[in-house]
Amino acid sequence: MTQQLTERDAAAIRDATLESLLDSTGPWNVDRVKEVVIAVAQEHGEVSANDVRKVLEEHLHWLIGPAFNSLTHSRGMLVNTGDRVPSTSPATKGHGISVYRWVGAVTAAKAA
């Protein structure tokens, strides 16, 4: 017979799990992912999560989405091209993911 958790117990477990994740990953991991996204975007002009996953340590893959959000919305370093490509991550079952353009590439193209 399985014992059901109360809502309070479940919340306590959730909070403890989130706290341990934050303690173990730290902000430097988000910074590491951002650095990789920027490097790939600068090198290729356009970038998707597929490109980043190829060169990023696997334990940091879960931070790719937040890194793209930060670099797009907060920092304005990337712009969404509107294009989508199938994800190569087995967990996503090939759903479409966004392609982003490095703002420096857009600026250089406009100047030419």
C-alpha atoms as a PDB file:
ATOM      1  CA  MET A   1       0.000   0.000   0.000  1.00  0.00           C
ATOM      2  CA  THR A   2       1.395   3.399  -0.960  1.00  0.00           C
ATOM      3  CA  GLN A   3       1.170   6.355   1.339  1.00  0.00           C
ATOM      4  CA  GLN A   4      -0.122   9.598  -0.167  1.00  0.00           C
ATOM      5  CA  LEU A   5       1.625  12.850   0.639  1.00  0.00           C
ATOM      6  CA  THR A   6      -0.252  15.796   1.986  1.00  0.00           C
ATOM      7  CA  GLU A   7      -0.085  19.000  -0.021  1.00  0.00           C
ATOM      8  CA  ARG A   8       2.183  20.506   2.638  1.00  0.00           C
ATOM      9  CA  ASP A   9       4.584  17.531   2.531  1.00  0.00           C
ATOM     10  CA  ALA A  10       4.700  17.632  -1.261  1.00  0.00           C
ATOM     11  CA  ALA A  11       5.446  21.374  -1.200  1.00  0.00           C
ATOM     12  CA  ALA A  12       8.233  20.844   1.332  1.00  0.00           C
ATOM     13  CA  ILE A  13       9.799  18.146  -0.854  1.00  0.00           C
ATOM     14  CA  ARG A  14       9.484  20.374  -3.930  1.00  0.00           C
ATOM     15  CA  ASP A  15      11.098  23.311  -2.144  1.00  0.00           C
ATOM     16  CA  ALA A  16      13.954  21.169  -0.822  1.00  0.00           C
ATOM     17  CA  THR A  17      14.568  19.734  -4.296  1.00  0.00           C
ATOM     18  CA  LEU A  18      14.612  23.171  -5.935  1.00  0.00           C
ATOM     19  CA  GLU A  19      16.941  24.493  -3.252  1.00  0.00           C
ATOM     20  CA  SER A  20      19.372  21.613  -3.746  1.00  0.00           C
ATOM     21  CA  LEU A  21      19.308  22.132  -7.525  1.00  0.00           C
ATOM     22  CA  LEU A  22      20.087  25.813  -7.130  1.00  0.00           C
ATOM     23  CA  ASP A  23      22.863  25.049  -4.661  1.00  0.00           C
ATOM     24  CA  SER A  24      24.421  22.472  -6.982  1.00  0.00           C
ATOM     25  CA  THR A  25      24.207  24.443 -10.222  1.00  0.00           C
ATOM     26  CA  GLY A  26      24.786  28.011  -9.146  1.00  0.00           C
ATOM     27  CA  PRO A  27      24.636  31.061 -11.388  1.00  0.00           C
ATOM     28  CA  TRP A  28      28.013  30.276 -12.959  1.00  0.00           C
ATOM     29  CA  ASN A  29      26.370  27.451 -14.896  1.00  0.00           C
ATOM     30  CA  VAL A  30      23.887  29.834 -16.494  1.00  0.00           C
ATOM     31  CA  ASP A  31      26.797  32.111 -17.339  1.00  0.00           C
ATOM     32  CA  ARG A  32      28.661  29.165 -18.869  1.00  0.00           C
ATOM     33  CA  VAL A  33      25.675  28.300 -21.072  1.00  0.00           C
ATOM     34  CA  LYS A  34      25.308  31.945 -22.155  1.00  0.00           C
ATOM     35  CA  GLU A  35      29.000  32.030 -23.091  1.00  0.00           C
ATOM     36  CA  VAL A  36      28.568  28.936 -25.268  1.00  0.00           C
ATOM     37  CA  VAL A  37      25.424  30.328 -26.940  1.00  0.00           C
ATOM     38  CA  ILE A  38      27.214  33.609 -27.687  1.00  0.00           C
ATOM     39  CA  ALA A  39      30.304  31.853 -29.043  1.00  0.00           C
ATOM     40  CA  VAL A  40      28.265  29.607 -31.362  1.00  0.00           C
ATOM     41  CA  ALA A  41      26.070  32.510 -32.491  1.00  0.00           C
ATOM     42  CA  GLN A  42      29.064  34.722 -33.233  1.00  0.00           C
ATOM     43  CA  GLU A  43      30.787  31.950 -35.178  1.00  0.00           C
ATOM     44  CA  HIS A  44      27.792  30.864 -37.269  1.00  0.00           C
ATOM     45  CA  GLY A  45      25.573  33.961 -37.301  1.00  0.00           C
ATOM     46  CA  GLU A  46      22.520  31.865 -36.408  1.00  0.00           C
ATOM     47  CA  VAL A  47      22.058  29.404 -33.575  1.00  0.00           C
ATOM     48  CA  SER A  48      19.508  26.980 -32.159  1.00  0.00           C
ATOM     49  CA  ALA A  49      19.498  24.776 -29.090  1.00  0.00           C
ATOM     50  CA  ASN A  50      20.645  21.914 -31.343  1.00  0.00           C
ATOM     51  CA  ASP A  51      23.898  23.763 -32.071  1.00  0.00           C
ATOM     52  CA  VAL A  52      24.504  24.525 -28.406  1.00  0.00           C
ATOM     53  CA  ARG A  53      23.805  20.962 -27.244  1.00  0.00           C
ATOM     54  CA  LYS A  54      26.589  19.696 -29.540  1.00  0.00           C
ATOM     55  CA  VAL A  55      29.257  21.612 -27.627  1.00  0.00           C
ATOM     56  CA  LEU A  56      27.822  21.998 -24.127  1.00  0.00           C
ATOM     57  CA  GLU A  57      28.266  19.612 -21.237  1.00  0.00           C
ATOM     58  CA  GLU A  58      25.206  17.389 -20.927  1.00  0.00           C
ATOM     59  CA  HIS A  59      24.456  18.279 -17.309  1.00  0.00           C
ATOM     60  CA  LEU A  60      23.915  21.903 -18.434  1.00  0.00           C
ATOM     61  CA  HIS A  61      21.455  21.180 -21.269  1.00  0.00           C
ATOM     62  CA  TRP A  62      18.500  22.070 -19.076  1.00  0.00           C
ATOM     63  CA  LEU A  63      19.779  25.672 -18.907  1.00  0.00           C
ATOM     64  CA  ILE A  64      19.809  26.249 -22.675  1.00  0.00           C
ATOM     65  CA  GLY A  65      16.246  27.613 -22.791  1.00  0.00           C
ATOM     66  CA  PRO A  66      16.764  30.103 -19.941  1.00  0.00           C
ATOM     67  CA  ALA A  67      20.042  31.241 -21.540  1.00  0.00           C
ATOM     68  CA  PHE A  68      18.311  31.906 -24.880  1.00  0.00           C
ATOM     69  CA  ASN A  69      15.519  33.783 -23.091  1.00  0.00           C
ATOM     70  CA  SER A  70      18.002  35.968 -21.239  1.00  0.00           C
ATOM     71  CA  LEU A  71      20.098  36.711 -24.314  1.00  0.00           C
ATOM     72  CA  THR A  72      16.992  37.487 -26.387  1.00  0.00           C
ATOM     73  CA  HIS A  73      14.656  39.342 -24.040  1.00  0.00           C
ATOM     74  CA  SER A  74      16.828  40.838 -21.314  1.00  0.00           C
ATOM     75  CA  ARG A  75      20.063  41.450 -23.151  1.00  0.00           C
ATOM     76  CA  GLY A  76      18.912  41.883 -26.758  1.00  0.00           C
ATOM     77  CA  MET A  77      21.978  40.031 -28.055  1.00  0.00           C
ATOM     78  CA  LEU A  78      19.937  37.557 -30.128  1.00  0.00           C
ATOM     79  CA  VAL A  79      16.837  37.991 -32.266  1.00  0.00           C
ATOM     80  CA  ASN A  80      14.390  35.250 -33.138  1.00  0.00           C
ATOM     81  CA  THR A  81      14.464  34.678 -36.919  1.00  0.00           C
ATOM     82  CA  GLY A  82      10.977  33.171 -36.941  1.00  0.00           C
ATOM     83  CA  ASP A  83      12.454  29.978 -38.408  1.00  0.00           C
ATOM     84  CA  ARG A  84      12.051  26.649 -36.632  1.00  0.00           C
ATOM     85  CA  VAL A  85      14.003  23.426 -36.979  1.00  0.00           C
ATOM     86  CA  PRO A  86      13.276  19.950 -35.571  1.00  0.00           C
ATOM     87  CA  SER A  87      14.911  19.390 -32.212  1.00  0.00           C
ATOM     88  CA  THR A  88      17.633  16.748 -32.088  1.00  0.00           C
ATOM     89  CA  SER A  89      17.041  16.104 -28.385  1.00  0.00           C
ATOM     90  CA  PRO A  90      15.422  12.680 -27.888  1.00  0.00           C
ATOM     91  CA  ALA A  91      13.394  14.068 -24.992  1.00  0.00           C
ATOM     92  CA  THR A  92      11.589  16.535 -27.253  1.00  0.00           C
ATOM     93  CA  LYS A  93      10.597  13.963 -29.884  1.00  0.00           C
ATOM     94  CA  GLY A  94      11.611  16.284 -32.715  1.00  0.00           C
ATOM     95  CA  HIS A  95       9.301  19.194 -31.976  1.00  0.00           C
ATOM     96  CA  GLY A  96      10.230  22.523 -33.557  1.00  0.00           C
ATOM     97  CA  ILE A  97      12.697  24.833 -31.864  1.00  0.00           C
ATOM     98  CA  SER A  98      13.482  28.438 -32.684  1.00  0.00           C
ATOM     99  CA  VAL A  99      16.484  29.693 -34.610  1.00  0.00           C
ATOM    100  CA  TYR A 100      18.124  32.908 -33.416  1.00  0.00           C
ATOM    101  CA  ARG A 101      20.429  35.385 -35.145  1.00  0.00           C
ATOM    102  CA  TRP A 102      23.359  37.096 -33.470  1.00  0.00           C
ATOM    103  CA  VAL A 103      22.582  40.821 -33.358  1.00  0.00           C
ATOM    104  CA  GLY A 104      26.119  41.629 -34.450  1.00  0.00           C
ATOM    105  CA  ALA A 105      25.471  39.663 -37.675  1.00  0.00           C
ATOM    106  CA  VAL A 106      22.268  41.649 -38.272  1.00  0.00           C
ATOM    107  CA  THR A 107      24.080  44.948 -37.705  1.00  0.00           C
ATOM    108  CA  ALA A 108      26.914  43.963 -40.054  1.00  0.00           C
ATOM    109  CA  ALA A 109      24.440  42.867 -42.750  1.00  0.00           C
ATOM    110  CA  LYS A 110      22.581  46.205 -42.527  1.00  0.00           C
ATOM    111  CA  ALA A 111      25.851  48.142 -42.773  1.00  0.00           C
ATOM    112  CA  ALA A 112      26.913  46.289 -45.942  1.00  0.00           C
END
